[in-house]
PDB file of all heavy atoms in Angstrom:
ATOM      1  N   ALA A   1       0.835  -1.206   0.000  1.00  0.00           N
ATOM      2  CA  ALA A   1       0.000   0.000   0.000  1.00  0.00           C
ATOM      3  C   ALA A   1       0.869   1.255   0.000  1.00  0.00           C
ATOM      4  O   ALA A   1       0.597   2.217  -0.729  1.00  0.00           O
ATOM      5  CB  ALA A   1      -0.935  -0.001   1.206  1.00  0.00           C
ATOM      6  N   PHE A   2       1.926   1.246   0.784  1.00  0.00           N
ATOM      7  CA  PHE A   2       2.834   2.393   0.834  1.00  0.00           C
ATOM      8  C   PHE A   2       3.505   2.594  -0.527  1.00  0.00           C
ATOM      9  O   PHE A   2       3.624   3.714  -1.014  1.00  0.00           O
ATOM     10  CB  PHE A   2       3.891   2.202   1.932  1.00  0.00           C
ATOM     11  CG  PHE A   2       4.868   3.334   1.997  1.00  0.00           C
ATOM     12  CD1 PHE A   2       4.511   4.542   2.571  1.00  0.00           C
ATOM     13  CD2 PHE A   2       6.138   3.202   1.463  1.00  0.00           C
ATOM     14  CE1 PHE A   2       5.393   5.594   2.619  1.00  0.00           C
ATOM     15  CE2 PHE A   2       7.028   4.249   1.498  1.00  0.00           C
ATOM     16  CZ  PHE A   2       6.669   5.450   2.078  1.00  0.00           C
ATOM     17  N   GLY A   3       3.933   1.512  -1.145  1.00  0.00           N
ATOM     18  CA  GLY A   3       4.584   1.597  -2.461  1.00  0.00           C
ATOM     19  C   GLY A   3       3.656   2.158  -3.524  1.00  0.00           C
ATOM     20  O   GLY A   3       4.044   3.001  -4.325  1.00  0.00           O
ATOM     21  N   VAL A   4       2.402   1.692  -3.537  1.00  0.00           N
ATOM     22  CA  VAL A   4       1.422   2.190  -4.500  1.00  0.00           C
ATOM     23  C   VAL A   4       1.162   3.679  -4.251  1.00  0.00           C
ATOM     24  O   VAL A   4       1.117   4.477  -5.192  1.00  0.00           O
ATOM     25  CB  VAL A   4       0.108   1.375  -4.417  1.00  0.00           C
ATOM     26  CG1 VAL A   4      -1.000   2.052  -5.212  1.00  0.00           C
ATOM     27  CG2 VAL A   4       0.344  -0.038  -4.913  1.00  0.00           C
ATOM     28  N   ALA A   5       1.028   4.072  -2.999  1.00  0.00           N
ATOM     29  CA  ALA A   5       0.795   5.485  -2.670  1.00  0.00           C
ATOM     30  C   ALA A   5       1.976   6.341  -3.129  1.00  0.00           C
ATOM     31  O   ALA A   5       1.796   7.436  -3.669  1.00  0.00           O
ATOM     32  CB  ALA A   5       0.571   5.654  -1.173  1.00  0.00           C
ATOM     33  N   ALA A   6       3.180   5.855  -2.941  1.00  0.00           N
ATOM     34  CA  ALA A   6       4.371   6.598  -3.364  1.00  0.00           C
ATOM     35  C   ALA A   6       4.394   6.748  -4.878  1.00  0.00           C
ATOM     36  O   ALA A   6       4.700   7.825  -5.399  1.00  0.00           O
ATOM     37  CB  ALA A   6       5.634   5.908  -2.869  1.00  0.00           C
ATOM     38  N   LEU A   7       4.062   5.688  -5.605  1.00  0.00           N
ATOM     39  CA  LEU A   7       4.040   5.769  -7.063  1.00  0.00           C
ATOM     40  C   LEU A   7       2.967   6.734  -7.552  1.00  0.00           C
ATOM     41  O   LEU A   7       3.187   7.503  -8.494  1.00  0.00           O
ATOM     42  CB  LEU A   7       3.795   4.382  -7.670  1.00  0.00           C
ATOM     43  CG  LEU A   7       4.972   3.424  -7.626  1.00  0.00           C
ATOM     44  CD1 LEU A   7       4.535   2.041  -8.107  1.00  0.00           C
ATOM     45  CD2 LEU A   7       6.124   3.941  -8.464  1.00  0.00           C
ATOM     46  N   LEU A   8       1.820   6.731  -6.909  1.00  0.00           N
ATOM     47  CA  LEU A   8       0.758   7.653  -7.286  1.00  0.00           C
ATOM     48  C   LEU A   8       1.173   9.093  -7.026  1.00  0.00           C
ATOM     49  O   LEU A   8       0.903   9.988  -7.822  1.00  0.00           O
ATOM     50  CB  LEU A   8      -0.538   7.335  -6.531  1.00  0.00           C
ATOM     51  CG  LEU A   8      -1.262   6.077  -6.991  1.00  0.00           C
ATOM     52  CD1 LEU A   8      -2.446   5.785  -6.076  1.00  0.00           C
ATOM     53  CD2 LEU A   8      -1.718   6.212  -8.425  1.00  0.00           C
ATOM     54  N   ALA A   9       1.837   9.336  -5.911  1.00  0.00           N
ATOM     55  CA  ALA A   9       2.285  10.687  -5.584  1.00  0.00           C
ATOM     56  C   ALA A   9       3.283  11.185  -6.623  1.00  0.00           C
ATOM     57  O   ALA A   9       3.228  12.329  -7.067  1.00  0.00           O
ATOM     58  CB  ALA A   9       2.905  10.725  -4.193  1.00  0.00           C
ATOM     59  N   VAL A  10       4.202  10.342  -7.030  1.00  0.00           N
ATOM     60  CA  VAL A  10       5.186  10.728  -8.044  1.00  0.00           C
ATOM     61  C   VAL A  10       4.486  10.951  -9.374  1.00  0.00           C
ATOM     62  O   VAL A  10       4.804  11.884 -10.108  1.00  0.00           O
ATOM     63  CB  VAL A  10       6.286   9.647  -8.171  1.00  0.00           C
ATOM     64  CG1 VAL A  10       7.151   9.892  -9.391  1.00  0.00           C
ATOM     65  CG2 VAL A  10       7.118   9.593  -6.915  1.00  0.00           C
ATOM     66  N   GLY A  11       3.511  10.137  -9.677  1.00  0.00           N
ATOM     67  CA  GLY A  11       2.809  10.223 -10.946  1.00  0.00           C
ATOM     68  C   GLY A  11       1.808  11.360 -11.019  1.00  0.00           C
ATOM     69  O   GLY A  11       1.254  11.627 -12.062  1.00  0.00           O
ATOM     70  N   CYS A  12       1.569  12.108  -9.943  1.00  0.00           N
ATOM     71  CA  CYS A  12       0.584  13.180  -9.926  1.00  0.00           C
ATOM     72  C   CYS A  12       1.084  14.463 -10.579  1.00  0.00           C
ATOM     73  O   CYS A  12       0.302  15.352 -10.840  1.00  0.00           O
ATOM     74  CB  CYS A  12       0.147  13.483  -8.493  1.00  0.00           C
ATOM     75  SG  CYS A  12      -0.897  12.182  -7.818  1.00  0.00           S
ATOM     76  N   LYS A  13       2.361  14.556 -10.827  1.00  0.00           N
ATOM     77  CA  LYS A  13       2.891  15.758 -11.467  1.00  0.00           C
ATOM     78  C   LYS A  13       2.344  15.813 -12.891  1.00  0.00           C
ATOM     79  O   LYS A  13       2.494  14.886 -13.662  1.00  0.00           O
ATOM     80  CB  LYS A  13       4.413  15.730 -11.500  1.00  0.00           C
ATOM     81  CG  LYS A  13       5.014  16.949 -12.161  1.00  0.00           C
ATOM     82  CD  LYS A  13       6.511  16.801 -12.214  1.00  0.00           C
ATOM     83  CE  LYS A  13       7.114  17.949 -12.953  1.00  0.00           C
ATOM     84  NZ  LYS A  13       7.100  17.783 -14.389  1.00  0.00           N
ATOM     85  N   PRO A  14       1.676  16.944 -13.229  1.00  0.00           N
ATOM     86  CA  PRO A  14       1.120  17.030 -14.579  1.00  0.00           C
ATOM     87  C   PRO A  14       2.219  17.035 -15.638  1.00  0.00           C
ATOM     88  O   PRO A  14       3.275  17.615 -15.447  1.00  0.00           O
ATOM     89  CB  PRO A  14       0.370  18.363 -14.578  1.00  0.00           C
ATOM     90  CG  PRO A  14       0.580  18.989 -13.262  1.00  0.00           C
ATOM     91  CD  PRO A  14       1.430  18.098 -12.433  1.00  0.00           C
ATOM     92  N   SER A  15       1.954  16.381 -16.751  1.00  0.00           N
ATOM     93  CA  SER A  15       2.912  16.345 -17.856  1.00  0.00           C
ATOM     94  C   SER A  15       2.873  17.665 -18.605  1.00  0.00           C
ATOM     95  O   SER A  15       1.814  18.230 -18.842  1.00  0.00           O
ATOM     96  CB  SER A  15       2.556  15.224 -18.827  1.00  0.00           C
ATOM     97  OG  SER A  15       2.660  13.988 -18.181  1.00  0.00           O
ATOM     98  N   ALA A  16       4.039  18.140 -18.994  1.00  0.00           N
ATOM     99  CA  ALA A  16       4.125  19.360 -19.790  1.00  0.00           C
ATOM    100  C   ALA A  16       3.987  19.008 -21.267  1.00  0.00           C
ATOM    101  O   ALA A  16       4.510  17.998 -21.716  1.00  0.00           O
ATOM    102  CB  ALA A  16       5.443  20.067 -19.516  1.00  0.00           C
ATOM    103  N   VAL A  17       3.245  19.842 -21.999  1.00  0.00           N
ATOM    104  CA  VAL A  17       3.085  19.642 -23.442  1.00  0.00           C
ATOM    105  C   VAL A  17       3.722  20.831 -24.163  1.00  0.00           C
ATOM    106  O   VAL A  17       3.806  21.933 -23.618  1.00  0.00           O
ATOM    107  CB  VAL A  17       1.598  19.490 -23.837  1.00  0.00           C
ATOM    108  CG1 VAL A  17       0.998  18.245 -23.212  1.00  0.00           C
ATOM    109  CG2 VAL A  17       0.793  20.713 -23.460  1.00  0.00           C
ATOM    110  N   PRO A  18       4.182  20.635 -25.392  1.00  0.00           N
ATOM    111  CA  PRO A  18       4.850  21.716 -26.119  1.00  0.00           C
ATOM    112  C   PRO A  18       3.952  22.938 -26.317  1.00  0.00           C
ATOM    113  O   PRO A  18       2.782  22.806 -26.683  1.00  0.00           O
ATOM    114  CB  PRO A  18       5.191  21.086 -27.467  1.00  0.00           C
ATOM    115  CG  PRO A  18       5.171  19.617 -27.226  1.00  0.00           C
ATOM    116  CD  PRO A  18       4.148  19.388 -26.153  1.00  0.00           C
ATOM    117  N   VAL A  19       4.524  24.099 -26.040  1.00  0.00           N
ATOM    118  CA  VAL A  19       3.824  25.370 -26.253  1.00  0.00           C
ATOM    119  C   VAL A  19       4.787  26.302 -26.982  1.00  0.00           C
ATOM    120  O   VAL A  19       5.843  26.648 -26.451  1.00  0.00           O
ATOM    121  CB  VAL A  19       3.372  25.999 -24.917  1.00  0.00           C
ATOM    122  CG1 VAL A  19       2.784  27.390 -25.153  1.00  0.00           C
ATOM    123  CG2 VAL A  19       2.372  25.106 -24.203  1.00  0.00           C
ATOM    124  N   LYS A  20       4.414  26.673 -28.205  1.00  0.00           N
ATOM    125  CA  LYS A  20       5.213  27.604 -29.011  1.00  0.00           C
ATOM    126  C   LYS A  20       4.358  28.834 -29.274  1.00  0.00           C
ATOM    127  O   LYS A  20       3.191  28.700 -29.657  1.00  0.00           O
ATOM    128  CB  LYS A  20       5.637  26.967 -30.325  1.00  0.00           C
ATOM    129  CG  LYS A  20       6.569  25.787 -30.143  1.00  0.00           C
ATOM    130  CD  LYS A  20       6.955  25.179 -31.472  1.00  0.00           C
ATOM    131  CE  LYS A  20       7.866  23.983 -31.240  1.00  0.00           C
ATOM    132  NZ  LYS A  20       8.312  23.363 -32.477  1.00  0.00           N
ATOM    133  N   VAL A  21       4.942  30.006 -29.047  1.00  0.00           N
ATOM    134  CA  VAL A  21       4.183  31.231 -29.263  1.00  0.00           C
ATOM    135  C   VAL A  21       4.988  32.214 -30.107  1.00  0.00           C
ATOM    136  O   VAL A  21       6.216  32.136 -30.189  1.00  0.00           O
ATOM    137  CB  VAL A  21       3.761  31.907 -27.940  1.00  0.00           C
ATOM    138  CG1 VAL A  21       2.891  30.982 -27.110  1.00  0.00           C
ATOM    139  CG2 VAL A  21       4.952  32.393 -27.142  1.00  0.00           C
ATOM    140  N   LYS A  22       4.249  33.118 -30.720  1.00  0.00           N
ATOM    141  CA  LYS A  22       4.840  34.239 -31.434  1.00  0.00           C
ATOM    142  C   LYS A  22       4.195  35.498 -30.867  1.00  0.00           C
ATOM    143  O   LYS A  22       2.985  35.518 -30.611  1.00  0.00           O
ATOM    144  CB  LYS A  22       4.577  34.145 -32.935  1.00  0.00           C
ATOM    145  CG  LYS A  22       5.177  35.303 -33.716  1.00  0.00           C
ATOM    146  CD  LYS A  22       5.083  35.102 -35.211  1.00  0.00           C
ATOM    147  CE  LYS A  22       5.807  36.263 -35.898  1.00  0.00           C
ATOM    148  NZ  LYS A  22       5.968  36.009 -37.323  1.00  0.00           N
ATOM    149  N   VAL A  23       5.019  36.531 -30.662  1.00  0.00           N
ATOM    150  CA  VAL A  23       4.521  37.789 -30.106  1.00  0.00           C
ATOM    151  C   VAL A  23       4.739  38.890 -31.143  1.00  0.00           C
ATOM    152  O   VAL A  23       5.858  39.089 -31.617  1.00  0.00           O
ATOM    153  CB  VAL A  23       5.255  38.155 -28.793  1.00  0.00           C
ATOM    154  CG1 VAL A  23       4.709  39.456 -28.223  1.00  0.00           C
ATOM    155  CG2 VAL A  23       5.135  37.026 -27.774  1.00  0.00           C
ATOM    156  N   THR A  24       3.641  39.577 -31.490  1.00  0.00           N
ATOM    157  CA  THR A  24       3.740  40.738 -32.370  1.00  0.00           C
ATOM    158  C   THR A  24       3.114  41.933 -31.661  1.00  0.00           C
ATOM    159  O   THR A  24       2.246  41.778 -30.791  1.00  0.00           O
ATOM    160  CB  THR A  24       3.030  40.520 -33.723  1.00  0.00           C
ATOM    161  OG1 THR A  24       1.637  40.284 -33.491  1.00  0.00           O
ATOM    162  CG2 THR A  24       3.632  39.352 -34.486  1.00  0.00           C
ATOM    163  N   HIS A  25       3.574  43.117 -32.020  1.00  0.00           N
ATOM    164  CA  HIS A  25       2.990  44.351 -31.510  1.00  0.00           C
ATOM    165  C   HIS A  25       2.719  45.240 -32.711  1.00  0.00           C
ATOM    166  O   HIS A  25       3.641  45.567 -33.462  1.00  0.00           O
ATOM    167  CB  HIS A  25       3.924  45.040 -30.517  1.00  0.00           C
ATOM    168  CG  HIS A  25       3.375  46.316 -29.978  1.00  0.00           C
ATOM    169  ND1 HIS A  25       4.024  47.501 -30.127  1.00  0.00           N
ATOM    170  CD2 HIS A  25       2.222  46.589 -29.315  1.00  0.00           C
ATOM    171  CE1 HIS A  25       3.307  48.456 -29.554  1.00  0.00           C
ATOM    172  NE2 HIS A  25       2.207  47.930 -29.059  1.00  0.00           N
ATOM    173  N   ASP A  26       1.462  45.575 -32.895  1.00  0.00           N
ATOM    174  CA  ASP A  26       1.030  46.349 -34.062  1.00  0.00           C
ATOM    175  C   ASP A  26       1.561  45.725 -35.353  1.00  0.00           C
ATOM    176  O   ASP A  26       2.049  46.402 -36.251  1.00  0.00           O
ATOM    177  CB  ASP A  26       1.472  47.810 -33.932  1.00  0.00           C
ATOM    178  CG  ASP A  26       0.731  48.530 -32.791  1.00  0.00           C
ATOM    179  OD1 ASP A  26      -0.381  48.083 -32.448  1.00  0.00           O
ATOM    180  OD2 ASP A  26       1.277  49.507 -32.253  1.00  0.00           O
ATOM    181  N   GLY A  27       1.507  44.399 -35.415  1.00  0.00           N
ATOM    182  CA  GLY A  27       1.850  43.655 -36.620  1.00  0.00           C
ATOM    183  C   GLY A  27       3.323  43.316 -36.801  1.00  0.00           C
ATOM    184  O   GLY A  27       3.671  42.607 -37.739  1.00  0.00           O
TER     185      GLY A  27
END
């Protein structure tokens, strides 16, 4: 039970997905 709880706690970190942005100001 302790091992499963530890694995769940480690696995709770949300996965990051790629985010690409472009910034323009007045075109």
